[in-house]
Amino acid sequence: MVRKAQSLSPWTIDALRVLGRQISSERRLRQWTQESLAERAGISSKTLIGIEKGAPGAAIGTVFELASLLGIPLVGAAEPTARQVVDTRFALLPTRVHAREREDDDDF
């Protein structure tokens, strides 16, 4: 099956590049090879190379695991207050969201 090309916003593309560069920089500071980090994360070197270049195809869990292995703080994980705010806000939201019924426009 042919996979449809995904269009990403410039913000998303930039965020992928920044996170990829952070992963690459932290790996180099620790003097780890791509092969050794890939092995620690349980992924192929090819996957790691793509992530470090900002390729969008990697699973988010894989990218977060690399960040965790390298000590890169993740969104809200380092700050208990941020996590608490998100949890509180989430608890206030409805469990389901339904599409609004559209009223027929009978005005001719």
C-alpha atoms as a PDB file:
ATOM      1  CA  MET A   1       0.000   0.000   0.000  1.00  0.00           C
ATOM      2  CA  VAL A   2       1.319   3.437  -0.918  1.00  0.00           C
ATOM      3  CA  ARG A   3       1.648   5.798   1.997  1.00  0.00           C
ATOM      4  CA  LYS A   4       0.227   9.292   1.538  1.00  0.00           C
ATOM      5  CA  ALA A   5       2.737  12.083   2.079  1.00  0.00           C
ATOM      6  CA  GLN A   6       2.026  13.969   5.280  1.00  0.00           C
ATOM      7  CA  SER A   7       2.103  17.747   5.167  1.00  0.00           C
ATOM      8  CA  LEU A   8       3.557  19.293   8.301  1.00  0.00           C
ATOM      9  CA  SER A   9       3.435  22.872   9.490  1.00  0.00           C
ATOM     10  CA  PRO A  10       6.671  24.871   9.523  1.00  0.00           C
ATOM     11  CA  TRP A  11       6.463  24.936  13.344  1.00  0.00           C
ATOM     12  CA  THR A  12       6.366  21.123  13.483  1.00  0.00           C
ATOM     13  CA  ILE A  13       9.265  20.773  11.047  1.00  0.00           C
ATOM     14  CA  ASP A  14      11.309  23.232  13.109  1.00  0.00           C
ATOM     15  CA  ALA A  15      10.462  21.435  16.376  1.00  0.00           C
ATOM     16  CA  LEU A  16      11.569  18.102  14.883  1.00  0.00           C
ATOM     17  CA  ARG A  17      14.878  19.627  13.784  1.00  0.00           C
ATOM     18  CA  VAL A  18      15.493  21.250  17.168  1.00  0.00           C
ATOM     19  CA  LEU A  19      14.772  18.052  19.096  1.00  0.00           C
ATOM     20  CA  GLY A  20      16.906  16.062  16.659  1.00  0.00           C
ATOM     21  CA  ARG A  21      19.794  18.469  17.174  1.00  0.00           C
ATOM     22  CA  GLN A  22      19.367  18.282  20.953  1.00  0.00           C
ATOM     23  CA  ILE A  23      19.551  14.497  20.798  1.00  0.00           C
ATOM     24  CA  SER A  24      22.621  14.639  18.565  1.00  0.00           C
ATOM     25  CA  SER A  25      24.344  17.242  20.762  1.00  0.00           C
ATOM     26  CA  GLU A  26      23.716  15.378  24.017  1.00  0.00           C
ATOM     27  CA  ARG A  27      24.884  12.123  22.454  1.00  0.00           C
ATOM     28  CA  ARG A  28      28.124  13.769  21.323  1.00  0.00           C
ATOM     29  CA  LEU A  29      28.690  15.424  24.711  1.00  0.00           C
ATOM     30  CA  ARG A  30      28.529  11.959  26.274  1.00  0.00           C
ATOM     31  CA  GLN A  31      30.846  10.695  23.530  1.00  0.00           C
ATOM     32  CA  TRP A  32      28.380   7.977  22.572  1.00  0.00           C
ATOM     33  CA  THR A  33      28.359   6.683  19.033  1.00  0.00           C
ATOM     34  CA  GLN A  34      25.133   6.526  17.083  1.00  0.00           C
ATOM     35  CA  GLU A  35      25.401   2.751  17.222  1.00  0.00           C
ATOM     36  CA  SER A  36      25.709   2.672  21.024  1.00  0.00           C
ATOM     37  CA  LEU A  37      22.755   5.030  21.600  1.00  0.00           C
ATOM     38  CA  ALA A  38      20.642   3.137  19.087  1.00  0.00           C
ATOM     39  CA  GLU A  39      21.452  -0.113  20.877  1.00  0.00           C
ATOM     40  CA  ARG A  40      20.526   1.381  24.273  1.00  0.00           C
ATOM     41  CA  ALA A  41      17.205   2.577  22.837  1.00  0.00           C
ATOM     42  CA  GLY A  42      16.515  -0.673  21.006  1.00  0.00           C
ATOM     43  CA  ILE A  43      16.354   0.918  17.562  1.00  0.00           C
ATOM     44  CA  SER A  44      18.421   0.760  14.402  1.00  0.00           C
ATOM     45  CA  SER A  45      21.220   3.223  13.678  1.00  0.00           C
ATOM     46  CA  LYS A  46      19.295   4.250  10.566  1.00  0.00           C
ATOM     47  CA  THR A  47      16.292   5.251  12.703  1.00  0.00           C
ATOM     48  CA  LEU A  48      18.531   7.283  15.027  1.00  0.00           C
ATOM     49  CA  ILE A  49      20.166   9.047  12.086  1.00  0.00           C
ATOM     50  CA  GLY A  50      16.716  10.041  10.810  1.00  0.00           C
ATOM     51  CA  ILE A  51      15.639  11.325  14.222  1.00  0.00           C
ATOM     52  CA  GLU A  52      18.821  13.381  14.589  1.00  0.00           C
ATOM     53  CA  LYS A  53      18.111  14.915  11.158  1.00  0.00           C
ATOM     54  CA  GLY A  54      14.551  15.779  12.205  1.00  0.00           C
ATOM     55  CA  ALA A  55      12.775  13.195  10.042  1.00  0.00           C
ATOM     56  CA  PRO A  56       9.082  12.996  10.988  1.00  0.00           C
ATOM     57  CA  GLY A  57       8.650   9.231  10.566  1.00  0.00           C
ATOM     58  CA  ALA A  58       9.801   8.019  13.992  1.00  0.00           C
ATOM     59  CA  ALA A  59       7.362   7.016  16.713  1.00  0.00           C
ATOM     60  CA  ILE A  60       6.998   9.659  19.405  1.00  0.00           C
ATOM     61  CA  GLY A  61       7.720   7.054  22.089  1.00  0.00           C
ATOM     62  CA  THR A  62      11.061   6.300  20.450  1.00  0.00           C
ATOM     63  CA  VAL A  63      12.012   9.985  20.355  1.00  0.00           C
ATOM     64  CA  PHE A  64      10.949  10.448  23.991  1.00  0.00           C
ATOM     65  CA  GLU A  65      12.973   7.386  25.013  1.00  0.00           C
ATOM     66  CA  LEU A  66      16.078   8.847  23.350  1.00  0.00           C
ATOM     67  CA  ALA A  67      15.489  12.152  25.140  1.00  0.00           C
ATOM     68  CA  SER A  68      15.096  10.295  28.425  1.00  0.00           C
ATOM     69  CA  LEU A  69      18.295   8.305  27.923  1.00  0.00           C
ATOM     70  CA  LEU A  70      20.171  11.544  27.269  1.00  0.00           C
ATOM     71  CA  GLY A  71      18.615  13.537  30.123  1.00  0.00           C
ATOM     72  CA  ILE A  72      16.740  15.938  27.852  1.00  0.00           C
ATOM     73  CA  PRO A  73      13.713  17.258  29.778  1.00  0.00           C
ATOM     74  CA  LEU A  74      10.376  16.454  28.189  1.00  0.00           C
ATOM     75  CA  VAL A  75       7.226  18.557  28.138  1.00  0.00           C
ATOM     76  CA  GLY A  76       5.903  18.866  31.673  1.00  0.00           C
ATOM     77  CA  ALA A  77       7.869  15.879  32.942  1.00  0.00           C
ATOM     78  CA  ALA A  78      10.425  17.949  34.828  1.00  0.00           C
ATOM     79  CA  GLU A  79       7.913  20.293  36.426  1.00  0.00           C
ATOM     80  CA  PRO A  80       5.344  18.780  38.788  1.00  0.00           C
ATOM     81  CA  THR A  81       3.345  22.021  38.638  1.00  0.00           C
ATOM     82  CA  ALA A  82       2.912  21.779  34.870  1.00  0.00           C
ATOM     83  CA  ARG A  83       1.789  18.169  35.185  1.00  0.00           C
ATOM     84  CA  GLN A  84      -0.682  19.122  37.921  1.00  0.00           C
ATOM     85  CA  VAL A  85      -2.161  21.937  35.799  1.00  0.00           C
ATOM     86  CA  VAL A  86      -2.643  19.592  32.852  1.00  0.00           C
ATOM     87  CA  ASP A  87      -4.167  16.869  35.045  1.00  0.00           C
ATOM     88  CA  THR A  88      -6.582  19.354  36.650  1.00  0.00           C
ATOM     89  CA  ARG A  89      -7.602  20.803  33.303  1.00  0.00           C
ATOM     90  CA  PHE A  90      -8.051  17.331  31.824  1.00  0.00           C
ATOM     91  CA  ALA A  91     -10.291  16.306  34.737  1.00  0.00           C
ATOM     92  CA  LEU A  92     -12.594  19.269  34.041  1.00  0.00           C
ATOM     93  CA  LEU A  93     -13.109  18.409  30.376  1.00  0.00           C
ATOM     94  CA  PRO A  94     -15.974  16.218  29.173  1.00  0.00           C
ATOM     95  CA  THR A  95     -15.077  12.599  28.454  1.00  0.00           C
ATOM     96  CA  ARG A  96     -16.607  12.801  24.983  1.00  0.00           C
ATOM     97  CA  VAL A  97     -17.015  15.565  22.462  1.00  0.00           C
ATOM     98  CA  HIS A  98     -19.902  15.417  20.012  1.00  0.00           C
ATOM     99  CA  ALA A  99     -20.213  17.361  16.791  1.00  0.00           C
ATOM    100  CA  ARG A 100     -22.786  20.109  17.006  1.00  0.00           C
ATOM    101  CA  GLU A 101     -25.982  19.506  15.116  1.00  0.00           C
ATOM    102  CA  ARG A 102     -26.105  21.775  12.132  1.00  0.00           C
ATOM    103  CA  GLU A 103     -29.297  23.723  11.722  1.00  0.00           C
ATOM    104  CA  ASP A 104     -30.823  23.572   8.261  1.00  0.00           C
ATOM    105  CA  ASP A 105     -30.748  26.854   6.452  1.00  0.00           C
ATOM    106  CA  ASP A 106     -34.253  27.109   4.988  1.00  0.00           C
ATOM    107  CA  ASP A 107     -33.805  30.731   4.002  1.00  0.00           C
ATOM    108  CA  PHE A 108     -34.062  30.878   0.213  1.00  0.00           C
END
